Every structure is written in structure tokens, then in C-alpha cells.
Amino acid sequence: MKVDYILKAITVVLAVVVFLFLFAPAFSETVLPGNFYAIEITGLSDLAVNNTATVMVPLPANAMGDLVIPEGTFSGGRVAGWQAEIRETPYGKMLAFTTTGGYAPDISISFEELQTEDEPQRLPLHQRPTNLTAWETKREPRLLVPVLATPDNMSVAEFTRVSSGAYTTAVFLDGFVPPPEGAAPVTFNLEYRGEGGTKRLIRENTWTTTVNTTIPCTASGFVPVPAEYRVIAGGISF
């Protein structure tokens, strides 16, 4: 009887040691939040440019409309044949691509912003700044803006709290020579993914917004388009 008790105790101790060996690193591991935005626009290469052509797409932002990827990440000539910049519009900030002369090439680009270490969190609570830490701001709901309409006229803040739904955003085209009849439409494939990160095996929510739509190549100006919003619930991550 005593031998059985000792063997059981040893088994329990060994099980605890193995558990700690396998899972202890996970309890201390931190995966910092990040934002990922992929843009694919096709059908532009069939369109002739009339002096200067502009294409604009929505941007990742929180419910207050604050961009969650730094503006400098988007600026510059990273797309062959196009110049990218943030531009103010009647609906708020959008990502604008401009080109001059000839035919406009299709657009394919992705942006990634990984949160860096949040230094204020290393300070004692009474020494931290009163504003939200970088970790906290990256845990809030995010989607592509502008938001032109939501179901039942919900506010953007209310809408971002639902688990999934469709809303209306906008894209923009201007400065192209009128194409011949029957020309192919322009297709917008936009995919945003905002991850809240992982701390001590607890995975935060992930927010996604996708736009998969085509618009006539004769369109000019702002065009309302549907967007699909979804929240992937977090939880314990092994």
C-alpha cells in the first residue's frame, strides 16, 4: 500500500514537471498585436489615363475613425506605375493611388504593421501615462473606413461590437479615358486583418473586413461598395 502511494506521488510529480516543461514558456510568451492589409485591383490595365488618374480605397481604422496603421506606411511609390498617399476626402481619409499618362497598371500591394514592444507597460502603474497603452489600443475593434451605411443605421461603434455583418464603404475612380463598350469591369479585392495579440495563452479577438466587388470601368467618382465585417473570437491558445 505504501509503495503504491509513493509510486502515485512520483507519477504526479513527474506529470507536473512535464507539464511545466512543455507549457511554462507559453505562459510567458507574448505575441504582439498587428495589422495586415492586402489590396488587389484588376481591370485597370485596360484603361487609358487622361492626364492624371486616381484610384482610392478605404483604410483600416478604429470605431472613432483613427487609422490603426501609421500614415507613413502607405506613402511612397511602392506600386509600379503608381504613387500612393493618404488623402482627405468628404468621407474622411482614404488611400489614393495616382498615375500619369499611358495605361494604368493593375495594383497589387500589401501592408503589414506589427506592434513593437510597449515600453510603458514595464513601468509601475502609478508611473504609466494616463492614455491607453499601445497594447490596449491594438485590442480595440477595427474595420475599413469610410463607413457610409450600417444595418439599421447603427453607429460605427455599435456595429463593430457585432460578431459579423455587412456594411457599405466606398472606392473612387477618376481620370480615365471613357473605355469602349463592353470593356471589362474593375475588380476590387481588399482584405484587412487586425489581430489583438496573445498574452499568457490568452488570444485576443481578430477583426477582419473584406471587399470583393466589381464596378463598371465607366464609373467616376465615389462608388459605394459592400464590405463584410467579422470578429474571430479569442480564447485560450495552446
Protein backbone atom coordinates (compact mmCIF):
# COMPACT_ATOMS: atom_id res chain seq x y z
CA MET A 1 0.00 0.00 0.00
CA LYS A 2 2.79 2.37 0.97
CA VAL A 3 4.70 1.54 -2.22
CA ASP A 4 1.62 2.29 -4.34
CA TYR A 5 1.24 5.65 -2.62
CA ILE A 6 4.87 6.54 -3.31
CA LEU A 7 4.57 5.50 -6.96
CA LYS A 8 1.46 7.62 -7.40
CA ALA A 9 3.17 10.59 -5.80
CA ILE A 10 6.16 10.19 -8.08
CA THR A 11 3.85 9.94 -11.11
CA VAL A 12 2.08 13.15 -10.13
CA VAL A 13 5.37 14.99 -9.62
CA LEU A 14 6.67 13.79 -12.98
CA ALA A 15 3.41 14.85 -14.66
CA VAL A 16 3.73 18.33 -13.14
CA VAL A 17 7.37 18.58 -14.27
CA VAL A 18 6.48 17.54 -17.82
CA PHE A 19 3.55 20.00 -17.90
CA LEU A 20 5.74 22.86 -16.73
CA PHE A 21 8.46 21.91 -19.20
CA LEU A 22 6.02 21.87 -22.12
CA PHE A 23 3.73 24.76 -21.27
CA ALA A 24 5.66 27.15 -19.00
CA PRO A 25 7.19 29.02 -21.99
CA ALA A 26 3.71 29.55 -23.40
CA PHE A 27 2.52 31.21 -20.19
CA SER A 28 5.26 33.83 -20.50
CA GLU A 29 5.09 34.21 -24.30
CA THR A 30 3.61 37.37 -25.75
CA VAL A 31 2.57 37.74 -29.38
CA LEU A 32 2.18 41.45 -30.03
CA PRO A 33 -0.82 42.82 -31.97
CA GLY A 34 -0.59 43.56 -35.68
CA ASN A 35 -2.42 44.85 -38.75
CA PHE A 36 -2.36 43.39 -42.25
CA TYR A 37 -3.95 44.96 -45.35
CA ALA A 38 -3.83 43.43 -48.85
CA ILE A 39 -5.05 45.35 -51.91
CA GLU A 40 -5.68 43.80 -55.34
CA ILE A 41 -7.28 45.95 -58.06
CA THR A 42 -7.56 44.45 -61.55
CA GLY A 43 -9.02 45.71 -64.82
CA LEU A 44 -7.12 48.99 -64.65
CA SER A 45 -4.59 47.93 -67.28
CA ASP A 46 -7.30 48.18 -69.96
CA LEU A 47 -7.97 51.83 -69.15
CA ALA A 48 -6.16 54.76 -70.77
CA VAL A 49 -5.20 57.62 -68.48
CA ASN A 50 -6.47 61.12 -69.24
CA ASN A 51 -3.57 63.23 -67.89
CA THR A 52 -3.81 62.04 -64.26
CA ALA A 53 -5.85 59.11 -62.96
CA THR A 54 -6.71 58.42 -59.32
CA VAL A 55 -7.95 55.30 -57.56
CA MET A 56 -8.84 55.40 -53.86
CA VAL A 57 -9.64 52.64 -51.37
CA PRO A 58 -10.70 52.61 -47.70
CA LEU A 59 -8.25 52.44 -44.80
CA PRO A 60 -8.08 50.36 -41.58
CA ALA A 61 -9.30 52.38 -38.60
CA ASN A 62 -10.98 52.02 -35.22
CA ALA A 63 -14.60 52.93 -34.47
CA MET A 64 -13.60 56.58 -33.95
CA GLY A 65 -12.04 56.77 -37.40
CA ASP A 66 -8.43 56.86 -36.17
CA LEU A 67 -6.07 55.00 -38.50
CA VAL A 68 -4.51 51.89 -36.96
CA ILE A 69 -1.59 51.75 -39.40
CA PRO A 70 0.73 54.81 -39.45
CA GLU A 71 0.18 57.06 -42.46
CA GLY A 72 3.84 56.87 -43.38
CA THR A 73 3.48 53.14 -44.04
CA PHE A 74 1.23 53.89 -47.02
CA SER A 75 3.08 56.82 -48.57
CA GLY A 76 5.58 56.49 -51.38
CA GLY A 77 5.94 54.86 -54.77
CA ARG A 78 5.79 51.21 -53.72
CA VAL A 79 3.44 50.19 -56.56
CA ALA A 80 4.91 50.09 -60.05
CA GLY A 81 3.41 52.92 -62.10
CA TRP A 82 1.51 54.44 -59.15
CA GLN A 83 2.20 56.93 -56.38
CA ALA A 84 0.49 56.17 -53.05
CA GLU A 85 -0.53 58.71 -50.42
CA ILE A 86 -3.17 59.37 -47.77
CA ARG A 87 -5.73 61.87 -48.97
CA GLU A 88 -8.52 63.75 -47.21
CA THR A 89 -11.96 63.24 -48.78
CA PRO A 90 -15.51 64.32 -47.89
CA TYR A 91 -15.84 60.93 -46.17
CA GLY A 92 -12.55 61.07 -44.29
CA LYS A 93 -9.08 59.78 -45.08
CA MET A 94 -8.59 57.26 -47.90
CA LEU A 95 -5.60 55.68 -49.59
CA ALA A 96 -5.08 57.28 -53.00
CA PHE A 97 -3.07 55.90 -55.93
CA THR A 98 -2.26 58.33 -58.75
CA THR A 99 -0.62 57.83 -62.15
CA THR A 100 0.01 59.94 -65.23
CA GLY A 101 -0.07 59.11 -68.93
CA GLY A 102 -0.37 55.86 -70.84
CA TYR A 103 -2.27 52.91 -69.44
CA ALA A 104 -2.69 52.33 -65.73
CA PRO A 105 -1.21 49.05 -64.47
CA ASP A 106 -3.17 46.87 -62.09
CA ILE A 107 -2.48 47.38 -58.38
CA SER A 108 -1.22 44.64 -56.09
CA ILE A 109 0.27 45.56 -52.72
CA SER A 110 0.09 44.59 -49.08
CA PHE A 111 0.91 46.47 -45.89
CA GLU A 112 1.91 44.97 -42.56
CA GLU A 113 2.42 46.70 -39.23
CA LEU A 114 3.47 44.65 -36.21
CA GLN A 115 3.22 46.29 -32.82
CA THR A 116 6.61 46.89 -31.19
CA GLU A 117 7.31 46.30 -27.51
CA ASP A 118 5.17 48.56 -25.34
CA GLU A 119 7.74 50.15 -23.05
CA PRO A 120 5.25 51.96 -20.72
CA GLN A 121 3.92 48.58 -19.59
CA ARG A 122 7.25 47.88 -17.92
CA LEU A 123 6.72 50.86 -15.61
CA PRO A 124 4.81 50.66 -12.31
CA LEU A 125 1.13 51.51 -12.71
CA HIS A 126 1.48 54.89 -10.97
CA GLN A 127 4.24 55.91 -13.43
CA ARG A 128 2.45 54.95 -16.64
CA PRO A 129 0.89 57.62 -18.88
CA THR A 130 -2.84 58.10 -18.45
CA ASN A 131 -3.56 57.48 -22.14
CA LEU A 132 -4.13 53.95 -23.46
CA THR A 133 -1.05 51.80 -23.87
CA ALA A 134 -0.11 50.56 -27.31
CA TRP A 135 -1.33 47.08 -26.38
CA GLU A 136 -4.74 48.37 -25.34
CA THR A 137 -5.26 50.46 -28.47
CA LYS A 138 -4.45 47.42 -30.63
CA ARG A 139 -7.13 45.36 -28.86
CA GLU A 140 -10.00 47.60 -29.92
CA PRO A 141 -12.35 46.76 -32.85
CA ARG A 142 -11.12 47.81 -36.29
CA LEU A 143 -12.53 47.83 -39.81
CA LEU A 144 -12.12 49.55 -43.19
CA VAL A 145 -13.36 53.14 -43.36
CA PRO A 146 -15.14 55.21 -44.55
CA VAL A 147 -18.40 53.68 -43.38
CA LEU A 148 -21.24 55.06 -45.49
CA ALA A 149 -24.04 52.89 -44.07
CA THR A 150 -24.60 50.18 -41.47
CA PRO A 151 -27.55 47.81 -40.86
CA ASP A 152 -30.45 49.50 -39.06
CA ASN A 153 -28.45 52.75 -39.04
CA MET A 154 -26.29 51.57 -36.15
CA SER A 155 -23.40 53.77 -35.12
CA VAL A 156 -19.98 52.54 -36.16
CA ALA A 157 -19.15 51.81 -32.51
CA GLU A 158 -22.28 49.66 -32.17
CA PHE A 159 -21.64 47.87 -35.45
CA THR A 160 -18.05 46.92 -34.55
CA ARG A 161 -19.35 45.12 -31.46
CA VAL A 162 -21.35 42.59 -33.53
CA SER A 163 -19.71 39.27 -34.42
CA SER A 164 -20.29 39.68 -38.15
CA GLY A 165 -22.22 41.78 -40.63
CA ALA A 166 -22.20 43.72 -43.88
CA TYR A 167 -21.88 47.47 -44.26
CA THR A 168 -21.22 49.96 -47.05
CA THR A 169 -17.87 51.59 -47.69
CA ALA A 170 -16.56 53.38 -50.81
CA VAL A 171 -13.93 53.26 -53.54
CA PHE A 172 -13.05 56.01 -56.02
CA LEU A 173 -12.10 56.19 -59.71
CA ASP A 174 -11.33 59.27 -61.79
CA GLY A 175 -9.20 60.48 -64.71
CA PHE A 176 -9.59 57.63 -67.19
CA VAL A 177 -10.49 57.94 -70.87
CA PRO A 178 -14.01 56.56 -71.47
CA PRO A 179 -13.44 52.91 -72.46
CA PRO A 180 -15.07 51.20 -75.42
CA GLU A 181 -18.41 49.50 -74.92
CA GLY A 182 -18.10 46.06 -73.36
CA ALA A 183 -14.80 46.74 -71.64
CA ALA A 184 -14.10 44.58 -68.58
CA PRO A 185 -15.12 45.97 -65.16
CA VAL A 186 -12.66 46.94 -62.46
CA THR A 187 -12.40 44.44 -59.61
CA PHE A 188 -11.52 45.40 -56.03
CA ASN A 189 -10.28 42.68 -53.68
CA LEU A 190 -9.42 44.23 -50.31
CA GLU A 191 -8.65 42.24 -47.19
CA TYR A 192 -7.88 43.68 -43.77
CA ARG A 193 -6.93 41.59 -40.73
CA GLY A 194 -6.30 43.11 -37.31
CA GLU A 195 -5.02 40.81 -34.59
CA GLY A 196 -5.18 41.66 -30.90
CA GLY A 197 -2.19 39.53 -29.93
CA THR A 198 -1.68 36.79 -27.34
CA LYS A 199 -0.64 37.00 -23.69
CA ARG A 200 -0.16 34.09 -21.29
CA LEU A 201 -2.07 31.68 -23.56
CA ILE A 202 -4.98 34.13 -23.90
CA ARG A 203 -5.55 35.06 -27.54
CA GLU A 204 -7.39 38.34 -28.16
CA ASN A 205 -10.01 38.86 -30.85
CA THR A 206 -9.15 39.16 -34.54
CA TRP A 207 -11.09 41.62 -36.69
CA THR A 208 -11.41 41.17 -40.44
CA THR A 209 -13.00 43.20 -43.23
CA THR A 210 -13.13 42.14 -46.87
CA VAL A 211 -14.31 43.88 -50.02
CA ASN A 212 -14.76 41.67 -53.08
CA THR A 213 -16.65 43.57 -55.75
CA THR A 214 -16.59 44.76 -59.35
CA ILE A 215 -17.66 48.16 -60.64
CA PRO A 216 -18.15 49.36 -64.22
CA CYS A 217 -14.98 50.73 -65.79
CA THR A 218 -17.08 53.75 -66.83
CA ALA A 219 -17.66 54.67 -63.15
CA SER A 220 -16.31 58.00 -62.00
CA GLY A 221 -16.10 59.49 -58.52
CA PHE A 222 -17.05 57.76 -55.27
CA VAL A 223 -18.75 54.39 -55.66
CA PRO A 224 -20.49 52.72 -52.66
CA VAL A 225 -19.42 49.08 -52.31
CA PRO A 226 -20.33 46.30 -49.84
CA ALA A 227 -17.90 45.19 -47.14
CA GLU A 228 -18.04 42.08 -44.95
CA TYR A 229 -17.03 42.52 -41.31
CA ARG A 230 -16.25 39.61 -39.00
CA VAL A 231 -14.88 39.17 -35.49
CA ILE A 232 -12.96 35.95 -34.78
CA ALA A 233 -13.34 35.43 -31.04
CA GLY A 234 -10.21 34.94 -28.97
CA GLY A 235 -9.71 32.45 -26.19
CA ILE A 236 -7.17 30.06 -24.72
CA SER A 237 -4.41 29.27 -27.22
CA PHE A 238 -2.18 26.21 -26.91
